[in-house]
Protein backbone atom coordinates (compact mmCIF):
# COMPACT_ATOMS: atom_id res chain seq x y z
CA UNK A 1 32.23 -19.19 21.76
CA UNK A 2 30.02 -19.17 18.04
CA UNK A 3 30.12 -15.66 16.73
CA UNK A 4 26.71 -13.90 16.39
CA UNK A 5 25.17 -13.11 12.70
CA UNK A 6 24.53 -9.46 12.08
CA UNK A 7 21.35 -7.81 10.77
CA UNK A 8 22.85 -4.85 9.31
CA UNK A 9 25.37 -7.17 7.20
CA UNK A 10 23.60 -7.98 4.64
CA UNK A 11 23.82 -8.00 1.09
CA UNK A 12 21.68 -8.80 -1.82
CA UNK A 13 22.98 -10.22 -5.31
CA UNK A 14 20.48 -10.51 -8.44
CA UNK A 15 21.36 -11.59 -12.20
CA UNK A 16 18.69 -12.27 -15.00
CA UNK A 17 18.46 -15.86 -15.77
CA UNK A 18 18.99 -17.02 -19.32
CA UNK A 19 17.53 -20.32 -18.67
CA UNK A 20 14.56 -20.32 -16.11
CA UNK A 21 15.66 -21.66 -12.54
CA UNK A 22 19.85 -22.01 -13.48
CA UNK A 23 22.03 -20.15 -11.52
CA UNK A 24 23.90 -17.05 -13.30
CA UNK A 25 26.12 -16.45 -11.06
CA UNK A 26 25.23 -13.23 -10.05
CA UNK A 27 29.12 -11.20 -8.85
CA UNK A 28 29.22 -9.20 -5.90
CA UNK A 29 31.20 -5.90 -8.33
CA UNK A 30 29.00 -6.01 -10.72
CA UNK A 31 24.98 -7.04 -9.34
CA UNK A 32 25.02 -5.93 -6.08
CA UNK A 33 21.98 -3.85 -5.22
CA UNK A 34 21.22 -1.26 -2.52
CA UNK A 35 18.34 -3.31 -1.21
CA UNK A 36 16.49 -1.12 1.86
CA UNK A 37 14.80 -3.42 4.99
CA UNK A 38 16.00 -7.28 2.73
CA UNK A 39 13.53 -9.78 4.55
CA UNK A 40 13.84 -13.56 3.85
CA UNK A 41 11.43 -16.21 4.33
CA UNK A 42 11.59 -19.97 3.93
CA UNK A 43 7.67 -21.29 3.59
CA UNK A 44 7.42 -24.32 4.56
CA UNK A 45 4.23 -26.07 4.56
CA UNK A 46 3.90 -28.31 7.24
CA UNK A 47 2.54 -32.12 5.87
CA UNK A 48 0.19 -32.73 8.30
CA UNK A 49 -0.72 -35.86 9.61
CA UNK A 50 -4.53 -36.11 11.73
CA UNK A 51 -5.19 -40.08 12.28
CA UNK A 52 -5.96 -41.33 15.31
CA UNK A 53 -4.54 -42.36 18.00
CA UNK A 54 -7.09 -42.89 20.81
CA UNK A 55 -6.41 -39.74 22.26
CA UNK A 56 -6.46 -36.26 21.98
CA UNK A 57 -2.49 -36.26 20.81
CA UNK A 58 -0.83 -35.88 17.57
CA UNK A 59 1.46 -37.44 15.41
CA UNK A 60 4.36 -34.65 14.07
CA UNK A 61 4.13 -33.28 10.78
CA UNK A 62 6.91 -34.11 8.31
CA UNK A 63 7.69 -30.83 6.08
CA UNK A 64 5.26 -30.59 2.77
CA UNK A 65 5.95 -28.22 -0.46
CA UNK A 66 8.87 -25.19 0.04
CA UNK A 67 9.58 -22.28 -1.87
CA UNK A 68 11.04 -18.90 -0.54
CA UNK A 69 10.13 -14.81 -0.24
CA UNK A 70 12.14 -12.52 -0.35
CA UNK A 71 11.34 -8.74 0.43
CA UNK A 72 12.78 -5.40 0.35
CA UNK A 73 13.04 -2.00 -1.27
CA UNK A 74 15.03 -0.17 -3.68
CA UNK A 75 16.11 3.32 -4.76
CA UNK A 76 13.91 4.02 -7.90
CA UNK A 77 16.67 5.99 -10.76
CA UNK A 78 18.83 5.79 -13.22
CA UNK A 79 22.38 4.20 -13.97
CA UNK A 80 23.73 7.85 -14.11
CA UNK A 81 25.09 7.26 -18.25
CA UNK A 82 22.29 7.78 -20.82
CA UNK A 83 20.97 4.61 -22.57
CA UNK A 84 23.01 2.45 -19.88
CA UNK A 85 20.19 0.21 -17.86
CA UNK A 86 20.22 0.50 -14.20
CA UNK A 87 20.99 -1.93 -12.07
CA UNK A 88 17.87 -2.11 -10.54
CA UNK A 89 16.53 -3.08 -14.09
CA UNK A 90 16.55 -7.16 -13.80
CA UNK A 91 14.14 -6.18 -10.95
CA UNK A 92 11.88 -5.11 -13.28
CA UNK A 93 12.14 -7.39 -15.83
CA UNK A 94 11.07 -10.21 -13.11
CA UNK A 95 8.11 -8.17 -12.48
CA UNK A 96 6.57 -8.86 -15.39
CA UNK A 97 8.41 -5.68 -17.72
CA UNK A 98 10.02 -5.66 -20.66
CA UNK A 99 12.93 -3.77 -21.13
CA UNK A 100 13.78 -1.81 -24.77
CA UNK A 101 17.65 0.07 -24.90
CA UNK A 102 18.61 2.93 -26.93
CA UNK A 103 21.93 3.18 -26.99
CA UNK A 104 22.92 6.37 -25.54
CA UNK A 105 19.27 7.69 -25.11
CA UNK A 106 16.97 5.65 -23.26
CA UNK A 107 15.60 2.48 -21.37
CA UNK A 108 12.71 1.43 -21.19
CA UNK A 109 10.09 -0.59 -19.00
CA UNK A 110 6.68 -1.40 -20.14
CA UNK A 111 4.51 -4.19 -19.04
CA UNK A 112 4.52 -7.97 -21.05
CA UNK A 113 2.12 -10.54 -20.75
CA UNK A 114 4.55 -13.42 -22.20
CA UNK A 115 8.14 -14.71 -22.46
CA UNK A 116 8.06 -13.69 -18.71
CA UNK A 117 12.00 -13.32 -17.61
CA UNK A 118 13.01 -14.26 -13.92
CA UNK A 119 15.96 -13.99 -11.70
CA UNK A 120 18.36 -15.07 -9.19
CA UNK A 121 19.36 -14.02 -5.79
CA UNK A 122 22.72 -14.14 -3.77
CA UNK A 123 21.08 -13.52 -0.16
CA UNK A 124 23.93 -12.78 2.01
CA UNK A 125 23.15 -12.60 6.20
CA UNK A 126 26.56 -11.77 7.47
CA UNK A 127 27.81 -15.76 6.95
CA UNK A 128 25.06 -17.20 5.72
CA UNK A 129 23.89 -17.62 1.81
CA UNK A 130 20.64 -18.08 0.80
CA UNK A 131 20.40 -18.78 -3.86
CA UNK A 132 17.43 -18.19 -4.37
CA UNK A 133 16.57 -18.92 -8.15
CA UNK A 134 13.69 -19.04 -10.52
CA UNK A 135 12.23 -15.59 -8.73
CA UNK A 136 9.41 -13.76 -9.83
CA UNK A 137 7.85 -11.20 -8.03
CA UNK A 138 5.75 -7.98 -7.69
CA UNK A 139 5.95 -4.53 -7.41
CA UNK A 140 4.67 -1.18 -6.06
CA UNK A 141 5.60 2.49 -6.65
CA UNK A 142 6.17 5.14 -4.55
CA UNK A 143 6.57 8.88 -5.62
CA UNK A 144 6.46 11.36 -2.20
CA UNK A 145 7.22 15.30 -2.65
CA UNK A 146 10.43 15.83 -0.87
CA UNK A 147 11.12 12.03 -1.09
CA UNK A 148 13.43 9.94 -3.03
CA UNK A 149 11.30 7.54 -5.64
CA UNK A 150 10.97 3.99 -4.27
CA UNK A 151 10.22 0.16 -5.20
CA UNK A 152 8.55 -2.03 -2.96
CA UNK A 153 9.27 -5.81 -3.99
CA UNK A 154 7.85 -9.30 -3.43
CA UNK A 155 9.45 -12.11 -5.12
CA UNK A 156 8.49 -15.46 -4.49
CA UNK A 157 11.14 -18.37 -6.06
CA UNK A 158 12.81 -21.55 -5.35
CA UNK A 159 13.77 -23.40 -2.14
CA UNK A 160 17.42 -24.45 -1.48
CA UNK A 161 19.14 -24.87 1.14
CA UNK A 162 21.55 -22.47 2.56
CA UNK A 163 25.31 -22.85 2.99
CA UNK A 164 27.47 -20.97 5.19
CA UNK A 165 30.00 -18.30 2.82
CA UNK A 166 31.96 -15.49 3.53
CA UNK A 167 30.43 -12.09 3.08
CA UNK A 168 31.82 -10.67 -0.14
CA UNK A 169 33.05 -7.36 -0.64
CA UNK A 170 30.84 -5.53 -3.32
CA UNK A 171 31.26 -2.60 -4.98
CA UNK A 172 28.43 0.00 -4.76
CA UNK A 173 26.31 1.60 -7.37
CA UNK A 174 27.13 5.36 -7.03
CA UNK A 175 24.74 6.32 -9.26
CA UNK A 176 22.60 9.12 -6.06
CA UNK A 177 18.82 8.64 -6.35
CA UNK A 178 17.04 11.96 -7.48
CA UNK A 179 14.86 13.84 -5.05
CA UNK A 180 10.57 13.77 -6.31
CA UNK A 181 10.29 17.50 -6.70
CA UNK A 182 9.51 20.16 -9.83
CA UNK A 183 8.12 17.40 -11.37
CA UNK A 184 5.40 18.57 -13.70
CA UNK A 185 3.49 15.97 -12.70
CA UNK A 186 -0.06 16.78 -15.38
CA UNK A 187 -3.76 14.97 -15.32
CA UNK A 188 -4.81 15.37 -18.56
CA UNK A 189 -2.57 17.93 -19.44
CA UNK A 190 -3.65 19.77 -16.55
CA UNK A 191 -0.29 20.98 -14.62
CA UNK A 192 -0.87 22.82 -11.89
CA UNK A 193 -2.92 20.13 -9.15
CA UNK A 194 -1.14 20.52 -5.92
CA UNK A 195 -0.53 17.10 -3.81
CA UNK A 196 1.65 15.01 -2.24
CA UNK A 197 2.27 11.63 -3.68
CA UNK A 198 1.54 9.29 -6.53
CA UNK A 199 1.67 5.19 -5.93
CA UNK A 200 1.28 2.44 -8.35
CA UNK A 201 0.93 -1.00 -7.55
CA UNK A 202 0.94 -3.60 -10.16
CA UNK A 203 -0.89 -6.46 -8.65
CA UNK A 204 0.73 -9.38 -10.47
CA UNK A 205 -0.86 -12.95 -9.83
CA UNK A 206 1.83 -14.71 -8.98
CA UNK A 207 1.40 -18.50 -8.40
CA UNK A 208 3.70 -21.66 -7.50
CA UNK A 209 3.33 -24.50 -10.16
CA UNK A 210 3.23 -27.52 -7.78
CA UNK A 211 5.12 -30.30 -9.36
CA UNK A 212 4.47 -33.86 -8.39
CA UNK A 213 8.04 -34.53 -9.43
CA UNK A 214 10.35 -32.00 -7.64
CA UNK A 215 11.78 -32.57 -5.06
CA UNK A 216 10.70 -29.42 -3.82
CA UNK A 217 6.71 -29.69 -4.78
CA UNK A 218 6.59 -26.55 -6.38
CA UNK A 219 7.93 -26.39 -10.34
CA UNK A 220 8.72 -22.83 -10.04
CA UNK A 221 6.66 -19.11 -10.48
CA UNK A 222 4.79 -18.05 -13.45
CA UNK A 223 2.61 -14.36 -13.41
CA UNK A 224 -0.81 -15.19 -14.80
CA UNK A 225 -1.99 -11.93 -14.57
CA UNK A 226 -2.03 -8.08 -13.56
CA UNK A 227 -4.35 -5.80 -11.75
CA UNK A 228 -2.99 -1.94 -11.84
CA UNK A 229 -4.30 0.64 -9.36
CA UNK A 230 -3.00 4.28 -9.31
CA UNK A 231 -3.28 6.68 -5.96
CA UNK A 232 -3.31 10.59 -6.26
CA UNK A 233 -3.53 13.06 -3.73
CA UNK A 234 -4.09 16.36 -4.55
CA UNK A 235 -6.01 19.59 -3.37
CA UNK A 236 -9.47 19.70 -2.96
CA UNK A 237 -9.74 22.60 -6.21
CA UNK A 238 -13.72 24.05 -7.39
CA UNK A 239 -15.41 21.96 -9.31
CA UNK A 240 -15.46 24.34 -12.45
CA UNK A 241 -12.24 24.08 -12.39
CA UNK A 242 -11.76 20.58 -12.58
CA UNK A 243 -14.11 17.88 -12.01
CA UNK A 244 -12.89 14.72 -10.84
CA UNK A 245 -16.49 13.58 -10.69
CA UNK A 246 -17.14 14.02 -13.93
CA UNK A 247 -14.39 11.42 -14.91
CA UNK A 248 -15.35 8.97 -12.37
CA UNK A 249 -15.11 5.69 -14.57
CA UNK A 250 -16.00 8.11 -17.81
CA UNK A 251 -12.99 9.49 -19.33
CA UNK A 252 -9.90 7.83 -18.79
CA UNK A 253 -7.12 10.66 -18.56
CA UNK A 254 -3.16 10.05 -19.39
CA UNK A 255 -0.96 10.92 -15.94
CA UNK A 256 2.93 11.66 -16.18
CA UNK A 257 5.33 13.29 -13.80
CA UNK A 258 9.14 13.58 -14.15
CA UNK A 259 11.73 12.57 -11.27
CA UNK A 260 15.33 14.51 -12.09
CA UNK A 261 16.88 17.08 -14.39
CA UNK A 262 20.37 14.60 -14.74
CA UNK A 263 21.35 12.87 -17.59
CA UNK A 264 20.96 9.09 -17.34
CA UNK A 265 18.57 9.63 -13.35
CA UNK A 266 15.88 11.03 -15.54
CA UNK A 267 12.31 9.06 -14.59
CA UNK A 268 9.70 9.98 -17.09
CA UNK A 269 6.09 7.88 -15.94
CA UNK A 270 3.50 7.70 -18.14
CA UNK A 271 0.06 6.31 -17.71
CA UNK A 272 -2.15 6.91 -20.93
CA UNK A 273 -5.09 5.72 -19.67
CA UNK A 274 -5.65 6.67 -16.09
CA UNK A 275 -9.30 5.28 -15.05
CA UNK A 276 -10.14 7.22 -12.09
CA UNK A 277 -13.30 6.16 -9.31
CA UNK A 278 -14.98 8.95 -7.38
CA UNK A 279 -12.48 10.60 -5.22
CA UNK A 280 -12.58 9.87 -1.46
CA UNK A 281 -12.47 13.31 1.14
CA UNK A 282 -9.08 13.40 2.89
CA UNK A 283 -7.36 15.94 4.96
CA UNK A 284 -3.45 16.53 4.85
CA UNK A 285 -2.42 19.31 7.69
CA UNK A 286 -6.42 20.47 7.96
CA UNK A 287 -6.59 20.86 3.54
CA UNK A 288 -8.75 19.21 2.19
CA UNK A 289 -6.94 17.10 -0.13
CA UNK A 290 -8.80 14.27 -2.57
CA UNK A 291 -7.75 10.61 -2.48
CA UNK A 292 -8.30 9.39 -6.00
CA UNK A 293 -7.88 5.84 -6.93
CA UNK A 294 -8.04 4.52 -10.60
CA UNK A 295 -6.67 1.88 -12.76
CA UNK A 296 -4.24 1.41 -15.24
CA UNK A 297 -5.86 0.62 -18.09
CA UNK A 298 -4.48 -0.15 -21.24
CA UNK A 299 -4.37 2.32 -24.47
CA UNK A 300 -3.41 -0.59 -27.30
CA UNK A 301 -2.15 -3.28 -24.98
CA UNK A 302 0.66 -3.94 -22.72
CA UNK A 303 1.25 0.25 -22.32
CA UNK A 304 -0.77 0.31 -19.03
CA UNK A 305 2.57 2.41 -17.60
CA UNK A 306 5.87 3.43 -18.77
CA UNK A 307 9.34 3.97 -17.29
CA UNK A 308 11.68 5.88 -18.80
CA UNK A 309 15.20 6.40 -17.75
CA UNK A 310 17.00 9.12 -19.96
């Protein structure tokens, strides 16, 4: 009787490509990531055949363009050593971020507008392996009081048929994620707001490149735009204490916060020009809050968000 494949026996390896769509062969010993709820979708567009056949019956479709979508979450955390890139670094780089390393000090990620990098994924489902090359994606970042900060990622990459390969034994990273507490959240230097969460959506536009010369009709994927948005949810305060409505669409404010206090695993996020929209009323356990969504706008360009691990 055939052996069933188990959902929990999944493993994801990821490595930056030196050349786009060229497999750099990620290794289980160094490129495994702690993916949460990984999902893979093979998107095969049916080539429909709407010919008239003298009845309401239809002709069978044939397979058309093909690509792969991969989604999962990971803990947002450092490597544990200041100046050493975290294992999630390739994920951010393939989502349109540049990586700058200062030895023994820091690793910084900021968005770019050209020379985008890509990654190859090895997606293992028990005894089956998918290799997805030429992959680029879109990230969401979630910070909630009392929880680990998280990255929620969606990637699109090149299709290749899966193969039967034994699940490798990974060397998993041991650095623990930091809890969102004592974060010193500041809005325009005001650090007394009471808020539960901050969410960042980069809203990358990841588009296919159709090609008559490609075996799958799609030669790769490009990042062609982004529309970063930030949402905060402070408790309502007396308007004379801080007038968020006065800031709406008028005053761009810097916001920043820090997660962690252990060297090598301190994450500082800065958005220098948060352009808030008008707040919306909400409540949290019968306490009134204001949900404030706004744009992460450029300061001088390619600097609307900065993520620094120290």
